[in-house]
Amino acid sequence: MCNGQPTQKPAARESKLQELLDEFRSVVGARQKALDWLLPPLVFLPLQAWLGLAIAAGASLGLALALLIWRALRRKPLRYALVGLAGVAVAISAALISRQAAGFLIPAIISSAFNATLCLVSVAVSRPLVAWTSHIARGWTLEWYWHPQVQPAYTAVTLAWALFFGLRGALQVAAFVSGRSLWLALVSVLGGWPSMILLLVASYLYGTWRLGRLEGPSVEEFEQDEPPPWQGQQRGF
């Protein structure tokens, strides 16, 4: 009993890390796709402080367009580049209309408020948002998510998402009110993909742990209508 334990624990940790990496790649995608979201704000905010709003807007919009063309020439998927271009165009329009760099954050503030509200409403009607996003990403049977020994895990994670979007929105509003370039840059960049990656990792780790504690059926066991006790969902959330 003592002889096997030291070798099992490192192996289990390595297996869990590999599982997390595999899931991250399959759901989030390759790291380079985040460039379409991160680079334009990184260009816009410093240039705005040094060269003015118009030049910064043209440079960041040109960069987003160049990333789209580059992916098209390499025959790469254009979804992330198109969303990145659309997001930058909306943010720049808000900044130009308001005639201040802080306007760049207006779409992000609206998005944070909308997402936080959507999370809370989905929990209130017992159809947590994270369950829907998982269903869309993985294609698992939708009814499985509403099982009484499965749904509480998705409800808890959805409430955590509501808190995350609420706090992010509050920071974005604070940066908008201050109007300081440094705060705008930090909140715009760190409040984007870096914080979303941390949120997804934490959601996966907690979600899989909570599913195990709930001792509900796996997707396959649910589809085959197997009686308890169940083995449960061993991977994925």
C-alpha atoms as a PDB file:
ATOM      1  CA  MET A   1       0.000   0.000   0.000  1.00  0.00           C
ATOM      2  CA  CYS A   2       2.800   2.431   0.873  1.00  0.00           C
ATOM      3  CA  ASN A   3       4.974   1.265  -2.018  1.00  0.00           C
ATOM      4  CA  GLY A   4       2.592   2.326  -4.792  1.00  0.00           C
ATOM      5  CA  GLN A   5       1.486   5.699  -3.434  1.00  0.00           C
ATOM      6  CA  PRO A   6       4.518   7.920  -4.184  1.00  0.00           C
ATOM      7  CA  THR A   7       4.471   6.984  -7.877  1.00  0.00           C
ATOM      8  CA  GLN A   8       0.711   7.378  -8.287  1.00  0.00           C
ATOM      9  CA  LYS A   9       0.395  10.954  -7.065  1.00  0.00           C
ATOM     10  CA  PRO A  10       2.871  12.557  -9.537  1.00  0.00           C
ATOM     11  CA  ALA A  11       1.323  10.494 -12.325  1.00  0.00           C
ATOM     12  CA  ALA A  12      -2.135  11.687 -11.342  1.00  0.00           C
ATOM     13  CA  ARG A  13      -0.987  15.320 -11.272  1.00  0.00           C
ATOM     14  CA  GLU A  14       0.678  14.947 -14.682  1.00  0.00           C
ATOM     15  CA  SER A  15      -2.455  13.329 -16.088  1.00  0.00           C
ATOM     16  CA  LYS A  16      -4.642  16.156 -14.756  1.00  0.00           C
ATOM     17  CA  LEU A  17      -2.311  18.797 -16.214  1.00  0.00           C
ATOM     18  CA  GLN A  18      -2.334  17.076 -19.601  1.00  0.00           C
ATOM     19  CA  GLU A  19      -6.120  16.807 -19.437  1.00  0.00           C
ATOM     20  CA  LEU A  20      -6.378  20.521 -18.706  1.00  0.00           C
ATOM     21  CA  LEU A  21      -4.054  21.401 -21.591  1.00  0.00           C
ATOM     22  CA  ASP A  22      -5.974  19.166 -24.001  1.00  0.00           C
ATOM     23  CA  GLU A  23      -9.308  20.645 -22.959  1.00  0.00           C
ATOM     24  CA  PHE A  24      -7.961  24.170 -23.221  1.00  0.00           C
ATOM     25  CA  ARG A  25      -6.712  23.556 -26.762  1.00  0.00           C
ATOM     26  CA  SER A  26      -9.996  22.004 -27.853  1.00  0.00           C
ATOM     27  CA  VAL A  27     -12.309  24.657 -26.366  1.00  0.00           C
ATOM     28  CA  VAL A  28     -10.287  27.877 -26.482  1.00  0.00           C
ATOM     29  CA  GLY A  29      -8.039  27.130 -29.459  1.00  0.00           C
ATOM     30  CA  ALA A  30      -4.452  27.990 -30.279  1.00  0.00           C
ATOM     31  CA  ARG A  31      -2.742  30.836 -28.457  1.00  0.00           C
ATOM     32  CA  GLN A  32      -2.011  32.743 -31.654  1.00  0.00           C
ATOM     33  CA  LYS A  33      -5.738  33.400 -32.170  1.00  0.00           C
ATOM     34  CA  ALA A  34      -5.659  35.676 -29.128  1.00  0.00           C
ATOM     35  CA  LEU A  35      -3.409  38.066 -31.076  1.00  0.00           C
ATOM     36  CA  ASP A  36      -6.455  39.203 -33.055  1.00  0.00           C
ATOM     37  CA  TRP A  37      -7.983  40.410 -29.783  1.00  0.00           C
ATOM     38  CA  LEU A  38      -4.897  41.654 -27.921  1.00  0.00           C
ATOM     39  CA  LEU A  39      -2.731  43.498 -30.451  1.00  0.00           C
ATOM     40  CA  PRO A  40      -5.114  46.265 -31.656  1.00  0.00           C
ATOM     41  CA  PRO A  41      -5.791  47.611 -28.114  1.00  0.00           C
ATOM     42  CA  LEU A  42      -2.075  47.374 -27.346  1.00  0.00           C
ATOM     43  CA  VAL A  43      -1.396  49.555 -30.384  1.00  0.00           C
ATOM     44  CA  PHE A  44      -4.298  51.974 -29.905  1.00  0.00           C
ATOM     45  CA  LEU A  45      -3.797  53.067 -26.301  1.00  0.00           C
ATOM     46  CA  PRO A  46      -0.066  54.014 -26.364  1.00  0.00           C
ATOM     47  CA  LEU A  47      -0.344  55.679 -29.793  1.00  0.00           C
ATOM     48  CA  GLN A  48      -3.341  57.690 -28.616  1.00  0.00           C
ATOM     49  CA  ALA A  49      -1.275  59.110 -25.776  1.00  0.00           C
ATOM     50  CA  TRP A  50       1.695  59.933 -28.034  1.00  0.00           C
ATOM     51  CA  LEU A  51       0.240  60.775 -31.444  1.00  0.00           C
ATOM     52  CA  GLY A  52      -3.435  61.515 -30.930  1.00  0.00           C
ATOM     53  CA  LEU A  53      -6.763  59.784 -31.323  1.00  0.00           C
ATOM     54  CA  ALA A  54      -7.021  59.806 -35.115  1.00  0.00           C
ATOM     55  CA  ILE A  55      -3.595  58.235 -35.769  1.00  0.00           C
ATOM     56  CA  ALA A  56      -4.120  55.632 -33.041  1.00  0.00           C
ATOM     57  CA  ALA A  57      -7.516  54.706 -34.467  1.00  0.00           C
ATOM     58  CA  GLY A  58      -6.127  54.321 -37.985  1.00  0.00           C
ATOM     59  CA  ALA A  59      -3.150  52.257 -36.808  1.00  0.00           C
ATOM     60  CA  SER A  60      -5.138  49.818 -34.656  1.00  0.00           C
ATOM     61  CA  LEU A  61      -7.851  49.389 -37.288  1.00  0.00           C
ATOM     62  CA  GLY A  62      -5.169  48.859 -39.952  1.00  0.00           C
ATOM     63  CA  LEU A  63      -3.490  46.235 -37.764  1.00  0.00           C
ATOM     64  CA  ALA A  64      -6.765  44.369 -37.242  1.00  0.00           C
ATOM     65  CA  LEU A  65      -7.371  44.418 -40.998  1.00  0.00           C
ATOM     66  CA  ALA A  66      -3.790  43.248 -41.679  1.00  0.00           C
ATOM     67  CA  LEU A  67      -4.278  40.286 -39.306  1.00  0.00           C
ATOM     68  CA  LEU A  68      -7.432  39.349 -41.194  1.00  0.00           C
ATOM     69  CA  ILE A  69      -5.656  39.499 -44.576  1.00  0.00           C
ATOM     70  CA  TRP A  70      -2.665  37.575 -43.208  1.00  0.00           C
ATOM     71  CA  ARG A  71      -4.894  34.746 -41.991  1.00  0.00           C
ATOM     72  CA  ALA A  72      -6.784  34.714 -45.281  1.00  0.00           C
ATOM     73  CA  LEU A  73      -3.531  34.417 -47.275  1.00  0.00           C
ATOM     74  CA  ARG A  74      -2.422  31.538 -45.048  1.00  0.00           C
ATOM     75  CA  ARG A  75      -5.869  29.946 -45.435  1.00  0.00           C
ATOM     76  CA  LYS A  76      -6.426  29.970 -41.688  1.00  0.00           C
ATOM     77  CA  PRO A  77      -9.867  30.200 -40.037  1.00  0.00           C
ATOM     78  CA  LEU A  78     -11.059  33.800 -40.124  1.00  0.00           C
ATOM     79  CA  ARG A  79     -13.619  33.692 -37.295  1.00  0.00           C
ATOM     80  CA  TYR A  80     -11.358  35.149 -34.594  1.00  0.00           C
ATOM     81  CA  ALA A  81      -9.882  37.749 -36.947  1.00  0.00           C
ATOM     82  CA  LEU A  82     -13.339  38.878 -38.083  1.00  0.00           C
ATOM     83  CA  VAL A  83     -14.609  39.150 -34.512  1.00  0.00           C
ATOM     84  CA  GLY A  84     -11.427  40.997 -33.551  1.00  0.00           C
ATOM     85  CA  LEU A  85     -11.829  43.431 -36.454  1.00  0.00           C
ATOM     86  CA  ALA A  86     -15.492  44.037 -35.633  1.00  0.00           C
ATOM     87  CA  GLY A  87     -14.696  44.588 -31.958  1.00  0.00           C
ATOM     88  CA  VAL A  88     -11.919  47.058 -32.740  1.00  0.00           C
ATOM     89  CA  ALA A  89     -14.117  48.935 -35.237  1.00  0.00           C
ATOM     90  CA  VAL A  90     -16.905  49.338 -32.667  1.00  0.00           C
ATOM     91  CA  ALA A  91     -14.477  50.387 -29.912  1.00  0.00           C
ATOM     92  CA  ILE A  92     -12.736  52.923 -32.160  1.00  0.00           C
ATOM     93  CA  SER A  93     -16.088  54.335 -33.288  1.00  0.00           C
ATOM     94  CA  ALA A  94     -17.057  54.862 -29.651  1.00  0.00           C
ATOM     95  CA  ALA A  95     -13.726  56.556 -28.953  1.00  0.00           C
ATOM     96  CA  LEU A  96     -14.044  58.863 -31.981  1.00  0.00           C
ATOM     97  CA  ILE A  97     -17.648  59.776 -31.196  1.00  0.00           C
ATOM     98  CA  SER A  98     -16.810  60.583 -27.579  1.00  0.00           C
ATOM     99  CA  ARG A  99     -13.559  62.276 -28.703  1.00  0.00           C
ATOM    100  CA  GLN A 100     -11.573  60.627 -25.929  1.00  0.00           C
ATOM    101  CA  ALA A 101      -9.572  57.419 -25.605  1.00  0.00           C
ATOM    102  CA  ALA A 102     -11.764  56.299 -22.713  1.00  0.00           C
ATOM    103  CA  GLY A 103     -14.549  55.813 -25.239  1.00  0.00           C
ATOM    104  CA  PHE A 104     -12.602  52.752 -26.412  1.00  0.00           C
ATOM    105  CA  LEU A 105     -13.907  50.981 -23.303  1.00  0.00           C
ATOM    106  CA  ILE A 106     -17.603  51.749 -23.829  1.00  0.00           C
ATOM    107  CA  PRO A 107     -18.366  48.538 -25.815  1.00  0.00           C
ATOM    108  CA  ALA A 108     -16.420  46.499 -23.239  1.00  0.00           C
ATOM    109  CA  ILE A 109     -18.408  48.046 -20.374  1.00  0.00           C
ATOM    110  CA  ILE A 110     -21.685  47.264 -22.135  1.00  0.00           C
ATOM    111  CA  SER A 111     -20.488  43.711 -22.838  1.00  0.00           C
ATOM    112  CA  SER A 112     -19.504  43.114 -19.203  1.00  0.00           C
ATOM    113  CA  ALA A 113     -22.839  44.414 -17.920  1.00  0.00           C
ATOM    114  CA  PHE A 114     -24.765  42.333 -20.458  1.00  0.00           C
ATOM    115  CA  ASN A 115     -22.840  39.134 -19.660  1.00  0.00           C
ATOM    116  CA  ALA A 116     -23.220  39.561 -15.899  1.00  0.00           C
ATOM    117  CA  THR A 117     -26.947  40.147 -16.280  1.00  0.00           C
ATOM    118  CA  LEU A 118     -27.328  37.194 -18.641  1.00  0.00           C
ATOM    119  CA  CYS A 119     -25.549  34.911 -16.154  1.00  0.00           C
ATOM    120  CA  LEU A 120     -27.825  35.980 -13.295  1.00  0.00           C
ATOM    121  CA  VAL A 121     -31.012  35.685 -15.365  1.00  0.00           C
ATOM    122  CA  SER A 122     -30.026  32.222 -16.611  1.00  0.00           C
ATOM    123  CA  VAL A 123     -29.507  31.041 -13.022  1.00  0.00           C
ATOM    124  CA  ALA A 124     -32.829  32.574 -11.960  1.00  0.00           C
ATOM    125  CA  VAL A 125     -34.673  30.523 -14.605  1.00  0.00           C
ATOM    126  CA  SER A 126     -32.658  27.363 -13.718  1.00  0.00           C
ATOM    127  CA  ARG A 127     -30.892  27.223 -17.067  1.00  0.00           C
ATOM    128  CA  PRO A 128     -27.317  28.348 -16.246  1.00  0.00           C
ATOM    129  CA  LEU A 129     -25.437  30.058 -19.048  1.00  0.00           C
ATOM    130  CA  VAL A 130     -22.287  27.931 -18.658  1.00  0.00           C
ATOM    131  CA  ALA A 131     -24.343  24.823 -19.442  1.00  0.00           C
ATOM    132  CA  TRP A 132     -25.431  26.396 -22.729  1.00  0.00           C
ATOM    133  CA  THR A 133     -21.880  27.397 -23.663  1.00  0.00           C
ATOM    134  CA  SER A 134     -20.655  23.877 -22.877  1.00  0.00           C
ATOM    135  CA  HIS A 135     -23.478  22.365 -24.945  1.00  0.00           C
ATOM    136  CA  ILE A 136     -22.607  24.579 -27.925  1.00  0.00           C
ATOM    137  CA  ALA A 137     -18.861  23.889 -27.645  1.00  0.00           C
ATOM    138  CA  ARG A 138     -19.077  20.135 -27.025  1.00  0.00           C
ATOM    139  CA  GLY A 139     -22.390  19.050 -28.507  1.00  0.00           C
ATOM    140  CA  TRP A 140     -23.394  17.028 -25.445  1.00  0.00           C
ATOM    141  CA  THR A 141     -27.055  16.169 -24.911  1.00  0.00           C
ATOM    142  CA  LEU A 142     -28.730  19.316 -23.581  1.00  0.00           C
ATOM    143  CA  GLU A 143     -31.042  17.441 -21.186  1.00  0.00           C
ATOM    144  CA  TRP A 144     -28.001  16.011 -19.364  1.00  0.00           C
ATOM    145  CA  TYR A 145     -27.110  19.480 -18.092  1.00  0.00           C
ATOM    146  CA  TRP A 146     -30.492  19.802 -16.336  1.00  0.00           C
ATOM    147  CA  HIS A 147     -30.078  16.560 -14.364  1.00  0.00           C
ATOM    148  CA  PRO A 148     -30.427  17.380 -10.611  1.00  0.00           C
ATOM    149  CA  GLN A 149     -26.990  15.863  -9.929  1.00  0.00           C
ATOM    150  CA  VAL A 150     -25.325  17.776 -12.774  1.00  0.00           C
ATOM    151  CA  GLN A 151     -26.955  21.204 -12.979  1.00  0.00           C
ATOM    152  CA  PRO A 152     -25.699  22.510  -9.575  1.00  0.00           C
ATOM    153  CA  ALA A 153     -22.112  22.423 -10.874  1.00  0.00           C
ATOM    154  CA  TYR A 154     -23.029  24.603 -13.856  1.00  0.00           C
ATOM    155  CA  THR A 155     -25.109  26.907 -11.661  1.00  0.00           C
ATOM    156  CA  ALA A 156     -22.170  27.522  -9.313  1.00  0.00           C
ATOM    157  CA  VAL A 157     -19.775  28.249 -12.179  1.00  0.00           C
ATOM    158  CA  THR A 158     -22.311  30.559 -13.842  1.00  0.00           C
ATOM    159  CA  LEU A 159     -22.587  32.564 -10.607  1.00  0.00           C
ATOM    160  CA  ALA A 160     -18.790  32.818 -10.558  1.00  0.00           C
ATOM    161  CA  TRP A 161     -18.937  34.124 -14.136  1.00  0.00           C
ATOM    162  CA  ALA A 162     -21.515  36.732 -13.085  1.00  0.00           C
ATOM    163  CA  LEU A 163     -19.153  37.902 -10.328  1.00  0.00           C
ATOM    164  CA  PHE A 164     -16.222  38.010 -12.767  1.00  0.00           C
ATOM    165  CA  PHE A 165     -18.081  40.077 -15.364  1.00  0.00           C
ATOM    166  CA  GLY A 166     -19.461  42.365 -12.658  1.00  0.00           C
ATOM    167  CA  LEU A 167     -16.007  43.055 -11.222  1.00  0.00           C
ATOM    168  CA  ARG A 168     -14.520  43.499 -14.688  1.00  0.00           C
ATOM    169  CA  GLY A 169     -17.256  45.963 -15.564  1.00  0.00           C
ATOM    170  CA  ALA A 170     -16.618  47.929 -12.371  1.00  0.00           C
ATOM    171  CA  LEU A 171     -12.900  48.184 -13.195  1.00  0.00           C
ATOM    172  CA  GLN A 172     -13.716  49.256 -16.741  1.00  0.00           C
ATOM    173  CA  VAL A 173     -16.034  51.988 -15.475  1.00  0.00           C
ATOM    174  CA  ALA A 174     -13.339  53.182 -13.039  1.00  0.00           C
ATOM    175  CA  ALA A 175     -10.787  53.323 -15.872  1.00  0.00           C
ATOM    176  CA  PHE A 176     -13.299  55.120 -18.107  1.00  0.00           C
ATOM    177  CA  VAL A 177     -13.975  57.769 -15.453  1.00  0.00           C
ATOM    178  CA  SER A 178     -10.263  58.301 -14.723  1.00  0.00           C
ATOM    179  CA  GLY A 179      -9.381  58.591 -18.429  1.00  0.00           C
ATOM    180  CA  ARG A 180      -5.728  57.774 -17.704  1.00  0.00           C
ATOM    181  CA  SER A 181      -3.904  55.997 -20.523  1.00  0.00           C
ATOM    182  CA  LEU A 182      -2.109  53.561 -18.211  1.00  0.00           C
ATOM    183  CA  TRP A 183      -5.336  52.457 -16.533  1.00  0.00           C
ATOM    184  CA  LEU A 184      -7.079  52.215 -19.896  1.00  0.00           C
ATOM    185  CA  ALA A 185      -4.305  50.013 -21.277  1.00  0.00           C
ATOM    186  CA  LEU A 186      -4.157  47.710 -18.244  1.00  0.00           C
ATOM    187  CA  VAL A 187      -7.907  47.214 -17.984  1.00  0.00           C
ATOM    188  CA  SER A 188      -8.375  46.826 -21.741  1.00  0.00           C
ATOM    189  CA  VAL A 189      -5.619  44.221 -22.162  1.00  0.00           C
ATOM    190  CA  LEU A 190      -5.664  42.330 -18.860  1.00  0.00           C
ATOM    191  CA  GLY A 191      -9.449  42.401 -18.747  1.00  0.00           C
ATOM    192  CA  GLY A 192      -9.566  40.629 -22.103  1.00  0.00           C
ATOM    193  CA  TRP A 193      -8.064  37.270 -22.998  1.00  0.00           C
ATOM    194  CA  PRO A 194      -5.632  36.916 -20.045  1.00  0.00           C
ATOM    195  CA  SER A 195      -8.422  37.124 -17.468  1.00  0.00           C
ATOM    196  CA  MET A 196     -10.760  35.030 -19.622  1.00  0.00           C
ATOM    197  CA  ILE A 197      -8.150  32.274 -19.830  1.00  0.00           C
ATOM    198  CA  LEU A 198      -7.834  32.236 -16.032  1.00  0.00           C
ATOM    199  CA  LEU A 199     -11.624  32.160 -15.731  1.00  0.00           C
ATOM    200  CA  LEU A 200     -11.914  29.198 -18.104  1.00  0.00           C
ATOM    201  CA  VAL A 201      -9.158  27.253 -16.337  1.00  0.00           C
ATOM    202  CA  ALA A 202     -10.707  27.864 -12.909  1.00  0.00           C
ATOM    203  CA  SER A 203     -14.166  26.986 -14.266  1.00  0.00           C
ATOM    204  CA  TYR A 204     -12.914  23.693 -15.657  1.00  0.00           C
ATOM    205  CA  LEU A 205     -11.028  22.678 -12.514  1.00  0.00           C
ATOM    206  CA  TYR A 206     -13.859  23.541 -10.151  1.00  0.00           C
ATOM    207  CA  GLY A 207     -16.565  22.241 -12.494  1.00  0.00           C
ATOM    208  CA  THR A 208     -15.028  18.792 -12.948  1.00  0.00           C
ATOM    209  CA  TRP A 209     -14.406  18.544  -9.196  1.00  0.00           C
ATOM    210  CA  ARG A 210     -18.000  19.545  -8.418  1.00  0.00           C
ATOM    211  CA  LEU A 211     -19.409  17.030 -10.908  1.00  0.00           C
ATOM    212  CA  GLY A 212     -17.459  14.319  -9.114  1.00  0.00           C
ATOM    213  CA  ARG A 213     -18.866  15.418  -5.746  1.00  0.00           C
ATOM    214  CA  LEU A 214     -22.428  15.438  -7.088  1.00  0.00           C
ATOM    215  CA  GLU A 215     -22.029  11.790  -8.221  1.00  0.00           C
ATOM    216  CA  GLY A 216     -24.348  12.284 -11.173  1.00  0.00           C
ATOM    217  CA  PRO A 217     -24.274  10.325 -14.444  1.00  0.00           C
ATOM    218  CA  SER A 218     -21.830  10.908 -17.241  1.00  0.00           C
ATOM    219  CA  VAL A 219     -23.183  12.058 -20.596  1.00  0.00           C
ATOM    220  CA  GLU A 220     -22.924   8.512 -21.930  1.00  0.00           C
ATOM    221  CA  GLU A 221     -24.583   6.995 -18.862  1.00  0.00           C
ATOM    222  CA  PHE A 222     -27.391   9.549 -19.136  1.00  0.00           C
ATOM    223  CA  GLU A 223     -27.933   8.842 -22.831  1.00  0.00           C
ATOM    224  CA  GLN A 224     -28.032   5.092 -22.185  1.00  0.00           C
ATOM    225  CA  ASP A 225     -30.412   5.617 -19.239  1.00  0.00           C
ATOM    226  CA  GLU A 226     -28.172   3.617 -16.892  1.00  0.00           C
ATOM    227  CA  PRO A 227     -29.305   3.366 -13.242  1.00  0.00           C
ATOM    228  CA  PRO A 228     -27.169   4.607 -10.312  1.00  0.00           C
ATOM    229  CA  PRO A 229     -24.587   4.293  -8.925  1.00  0.00           C
ATOM    230  CA  TRP A 230     -22.879   6.052 -11.806  1.00  0.00           C
ATOM    231  CA  GLN A 231     -19.219   6.340 -12.708  1.00  0.00           C
ATOM    232  CA  GLY A 232     -19.838   9.987 -13.540  1.00  0.00           C
ATOM    233  CA  GLN A 233     -18.292  12.383 -16.050  1.00  0.00           C
ATOM    234  CA  GLN A 234     -14.558  11.682 -15.925  1.00  0.00           C
ATOM    235  CA  ARG A 235     -13.437  14.380 -18.327  1.00  0.00           C
ATOM    236  CA  GLY A 236     -14.799  17.598 -19.707  1.00  0.00           C
ATOM    237  CA  PHE A 237     -17.123  20.238 -18.315  1.00  0.00           C
END
